[in-house]
């Protein structure tokens, strides 16, 4: 059960990252989000 919950949270984090990336791409197509920053934010949100 706990494993399923962790998996679900991971999927939600991925979808949130995709949504943020899409918003950033629409706002400024020439700027890309560094993966390290996303990784740091993702670790902080866990």
PDB file of N, CA and C in Angstrom:
ATOM      1  N   UNK A   1       0.836  -1.204   0.000  1.00  0.00           N
ATOM      2  CA  UNK A   1       0.000   0.000   0.000  1.00  0.00           C
ATOM      3  C   UNK A   1       0.878   1.265   0.000  1.00  0.00           C
ATOM      4  N   UNK A   2       1.884   1.256   0.860  1.00  0.00           N
ATOM      5  CA  UNK A   2       2.784   2.416   0.917  1.00  0.00           C
ATOM      6  C   UNK A   2       3.557   2.578  -0.389  1.00  0.00           C
ATOM      7  N   UNK A   3       3.919   1.449  -0.991  1.00  0.00           N
ATOM      8  CA  UNK A   3       4.647   1.479  -2.260  1.00  0.00           C
ATOM      9  C   UNK A   3       3.771   2.088  -3.353  1.00  0.00           C
ATOM     10  N   UNK A   4       2.503   1.711  -3.360  1.00  0.00           N
ATOM     11  CA  UNK A   4       1.551   2.241  -4.342  1.00  0.00           C
ATOM     12  C   UNK A   4       1.388   3.750  -4.161  1.00  0.00           C
ATOM     13  N   UNK A   5       1.327   4.186  -2.904  1.00  0.00           N
ATOM     14  CA  UNK A   5       1.187   5.606  -2.607  1.00  0.00           C
ATOM     15  C   UNK A   5       2.406   6.392  -3.085  1.00  0.00           C
ATOM     16  N   UNK A   6       3.596   5.840  -2.848  1.00  0.00           N
ATOM     17  CA  UNK A   6       4.830   6.486  -3.299  1.00  0.00           C
ATOM     18  C   UNK A   6       4.872   6.566  -4.824  1.00  0.00           C
ATOM     19  N   UNK A   7       4.440   5.495  -5.478  1.00  0.00           N
ATOM     20  CA  UNK A   7       4.394   5.455  -6.941  1.00  0.00           C
ATOM     21  C   UNK A   7       3.432   6.517  -7.473  1.00  0.00           C
ATOM     22  N   UNK A   8       2.272   6.639  -6.824  1.00  0.00           N
ATOM     23  CA  UNK A   8       1.270   7.618  -7.224  1.00  0.00           C
ATOM     24  C   UNK A   8       1.807   9.038  -7.068  1.00  0.00           C
ATOM     25  N   UNK A   9       2.499   9.297  -5.946  1.00  0.00           N
ATOM     26  CA  UNK A   9       3.102  10.620  -5.721  1.00  0.00           C
ATOM     27  C   UNK A   9       4.150  10.928  -6.780  1.00  0.00           C
ATOM     28  N   UNK A  10       4.909   9.907  -7.175  1.00  0.00           N
ATOM     29  CA  UNK A  10       5.948  10.089  -8.190  1.00  0.00           C
ATOM     30  C   UNK A  10       5.314  10.472  -9.529  1.00  0.00           C
ATOM     31  N   UNK A  11       4.222   9.795  -9.885  1.00  0.00           N
ATOM     32  CA  UNK A  11       3.504  10.104 -11.131  1.00  0.00           C
ATOM     33  C   UNK A  11       2.960  11.535 -11.081  1.00  0.00           C
ATOM     34  N   UNK A  12       2.401  11.925  -9.951  1.00  0.00           N
ATOM     35  CA  UNK A  12       1.881  13.286  -9.806  1.00  0.00           C
ATOM     36  C   UNK A  12       2.995  14.315  -9.979  1.00  0.00           C
ATOM     37  N   UNK A  13       4.172  14.024  -9.419  1.00  0.00           N
ATOM     38  CA  UNK A  13       5.314  14.933  -9.549  1.00  0.00           C
ATOM     39  C   UNK A  13       5.737  15.059 -11.013  1.00  0.00           C
ATOM     40  N   UNK A  14       5.715  13.935 -11.734  1.00  0.00           N
ATOM     41  CA  UNK A  14       6.075  13.945 -13.159  1.00  0.00           C
ATOM     42  C   UNK A  14       5.071  14.786 -13.951  1.00  0.00           C
ATOM     43  N   UNK A  15       3.770  14.585 -13.670  1.00  0.00           N
ATOM     44  CA  UNK A  15       2.751  15.358 -14.382  1.00  0.00           C
ATOM     45  C   UNK A  15       2.871  16.847 -14.072  1.00  0.00           C
ATOM     46  N   UNK A  16       3.200  17.172 -12.804  1.00  0.00           N
ATOM     47  CA  UNK A  16       3.383  18.568 -12.417  1.00  0.00           C
ATOM     48  C   UNK A  16       4.555  19.170 -13.179  1.00  0.00           C
ATOM     49  N   UNK A  17       5.649  18.392 -13.304  1.00  0.00           N
ATOM     50  CA  UNK A  17       6.825  18.856 -14.042  1.00  0.00           C
ATOM     51  C   UNK A  17       6.477  19.102 -15.506  1.00  0.00           C
ATOM     52  N   UNK A  18       5.692  18.184 -16.110  1.00  0.00           N
ATOM     53  CA  UNK A  18       5.287  18.345 -17.513  1.00  0.00           C
ATOM     54  C   UNK A  18       4.454  19.617 -17.672  1.00  0.00           C
ATOM     55  N   UNK A  19       3.533  19.846 -16.736  1.00  0.00           N
ATOM     56  CA  UNK A  19       2.681  21.039 -16.799  1.00  0.00           C
ATOM     57  C   UNK A  19       3.517  22.315 -16.681  1.00  0.00           C
ATOM     58  N   UNK A  20       4.480  22.311 -15.755  1.00  0.00           N
ATOM     59  CA  UNK A  20       5.370  23.471 -15.584  1.00  0.00           C
ATOM     60  C   UNK A  20       6.197  23.688 -16.848  1.00  0.00           C
ATOM     61  N   UNK A  21       6.706  22.591 -17.413  1.00  0.00           N
ATOM     62  CA  UNK A  21       7.516  22.686 -18.632  1.00  0.00           C
ATOM     63  C   UNK A  21       6.692  23.251 -19.785  1.00  0.00           C
ATOM     64  N   UNK A  22       5.444  22.805 -19.905  1.00  0.00           N
ATOM     65  CA  UNK A  22       4.558  23.304 -20.961  1.00  0.00           C
ATOM     66  C   UNK A  22       4.295  24.798 -20.774  1.00  0.00           C
ATOM     67  N   UNK A  23       4.031  25.206 -19.536  1.00  0.00           N
ATOM     68  CA  UNK A  23       3.779  26.619 -19.256  1.00  0.00           C
ATOM     69  C   UNK A  23       5.003  27.469 -19.571  1.00  0.00           C
ATOM     70  N   UNK A  24       6.180  26.966 -19.211  1.00  0.00           N
ATOM     71  CA  UNK A  24       7.424  27.685 -19.489  1.00  0.00           C
ATOM     72  C   UNK A  24       7.682  27.765 -20.991  1.00  0.00           C
ATOM     73  N   UNK A  25       7.366  26.669 -21.698  1.00  0.00           N
ATOM     74  CA  UNK A  25       7.602  26.622 -23.148  1.00  0.00           C
ATOM     75  C   UNK A  25       6.704  27.633 -23.858  1.00  0.00           C
ATOM     76  N   UNK A  26       5.453  27.737 -23.400  1.00  0.00           N
ATOM     77  CA  UNK A  26       4.516  28.691 -23.996  1.00  0.00           C
ATOM     78  C   UNK A  26       4.961  30.124 -23.669  1.00  0.00           C
ATOM     79  N   UNK A  27       5.413  30.343 -22.422  1.00  0.00           N
ATOM     80  CA  UNK A  27       5.818  31.682 -21.993  1.00  0.00           C
ATOM     81  C   UNK A  27       7.103  32.123 -22.696  1.00  0.00           C
ATOM     82  N   UNK A  28       8.093  31.245 -22.714  1.00  0.00           N
ATOM     83  CA  UNK A  28       9.376  31.590 -23.344  1.00  0.00           C
ATOM     84  C   UNK A  28       9.977  30.356 -24.019  1.00  0.00           C
ATOM     85  N   UNK A  29       9.814  30.238 -25.325  1.00  0.00           N
ATOM     86  CA  UNK A  29      10.268  29.031 -26.035  1.00  0.00           C
ATOM     87  C   UNK A  29      11.787  28.856 -26.047  1.00  0.00           C
ATOM     88  N   UNK A  30      12.532  29.957 -25.891  1.00  0.00           N
ATOM     89  CA  UNK A  30      13.989  29.859 -26.003  1.00  0.00           C
ATOM     90  C   UNK A  30      14.664  29.451 -24.699  1.00  0.00           C
ATOM     91  N   UNK A  31      13.909  29.465 -23.589  1.00  0.00           N
ATOM     92  CA  UNK A  31      14.491  29.089 -22.292  1.00  0.00           C
ATOM     93  C   UNK A  31      14.064  27.674 -21.930  1.00  0.00           C
ATOM     94  N   UNK A  32      15.032  26.875 -21.518  1.00  0.00           N
ATOM     95  CA  UNK A  32      14.739  25.511 -21.081  1.00  0.00           C
ATOM     96  C   UNK A  32      15.038  25.383 -19.588  1.00  0.00           C
ATOM     97  N   UNK A  33      14.239  24.562 -18.916  1.00  0.00           N
ATOM     98  CA  UNK A  33      14.434  24.353 -17.479  1.00  0.00           C
ATOM     99  C   UNK A  33      15.565  23.347 -17.273  1.00  0.00           C
ATOM    100  N   UNK A  34      16.591  23.711 -16.520  1.00  0.00           N
ATOM    101  CA  UNK A  34      17.646  22.734 -16.212  1.00  0.00           C
ATOM    102  C   UNK A  34      17.091  21.596 -15.370  1.00  0.00           C
ATOM    103  N   UNK A  35      17.520  20.374 -15.686  1.00  0.00           N
ATOM    104  CA  UNK A  35      16.989  19.197 -15.002  1.00  0.00           C
ATOM    105  C   UNK A  35      17.394  19.179 -13.531  1.00  0.00           C
ATOM    106  N   UNK A  36      18.585  19.724 -13.220  1.00  0.00           N
ATOM    107  CA  UNK A  36      19.058  19.712 -11.830  1.00  0.00           C
ATOM    108  C   UNK A  36      18.128  20.518 -10.925  1.00  0.00           C
ATOM    109  N   UNK A  37      17.619  21.631 -11.432  1.00  0.00           N
ATOM    110  CA  UNK A  37      16.700  22.460 -10.649  1.00  0.00           C
ATOM    111  C   UNK A  37      15.412  21.691 -10.382  1.00  0.00           C
ATOM    112  N   UNK A  38      14.889  21.016 -11.410  1.00  0.00           N
ATOM    113  CA  UNK A  38      13.679  20.214 -11.239  1.00  0.00           C
ATOM    114  C   UNK A  38      13.916  19.103 -10.235  1.00  0.00           C
ATOM    115  N   UNK A  39      15.084  18.452 -10.329  1.00  0.00           N
ATOM    116  CA  UNK A  39      15.413  17.355  -9.424  1.00  0.00           C
ATOM    117  C   UNK A  39      15.453  17.860  -7.977  1.00  0.00           C
ATOM    118  N   UNK A  40      16.039  19.039  -7.790  1.00  0.00           N
ATOM    119  CA  UNK A  40      16.136  19.626  -6.449  1.00  0.00           C
ATOM    120  C   UNK A  40      14.743  19.949  -5.905  1.00  0.00           C
ATOM    121  N   UNK A  41      13.886  20.540  -6.734  1.00  0.00           N
ATOM    122  CA  UNK A  41      12.523  20.862  -6.321  1.00  0.00           C
ATOM    123  C   UNK A  41      11.736  19.597  -6.020  1.00  0.00           C
ATOM    124  N   UNK A  42      11.941  18.557  -6.841  1.00  0.00           N
ATOM    125  CA  UNK A  42      11.227  17.304  -6.654  1.00  0.00           C
ATOM    126  C   UNK A  42      11.630  16.646  -5.342  1.00  0.00           C
ATOM    127  N   UNK A  43      12.928  16.685  -5.022  1.00  0.00           N
ATOM    128  CA  UNK A  43      13.405  16.103  -3.760  1.00  0.00           C
ATOM    129  C   UNK A  43      12.861  16.882  -2.570  1.00  0.00           C
ATOM    130  N   UNK A  44      12.745  18.205  -2.712  1.00  0.00           N
ATOM    131  CA  UNK A  44      12.210  19.016  -1.623  1.00  0.00           C
ATOM    132  C   UNK A  44      10.724  18.754  -1.404  1.00  0.00           C
ATOM    133  N   UNK A  45       9.999  18.444  -2.473  1.00  0.00           N
ATOM    134  CA  UNK A  45       8.554  18.235  -2.362  1.00  0.00           C
ATOM    135  C   UNK A  45       8.199  16.875  -1.781  1.00  0.00           C
ATOM    136  N   UNK A  46       9.147  15.934  -1.780  1.00  0.00           N
ATOM    137  CA  UNK A  46       8.853  14.589  -1.261  1.00  0.00           C
ATOM    138  C   UNK A  46       8.743  14.583   0.256  1.00  0.00           C
TER     139      UNK A  46
END
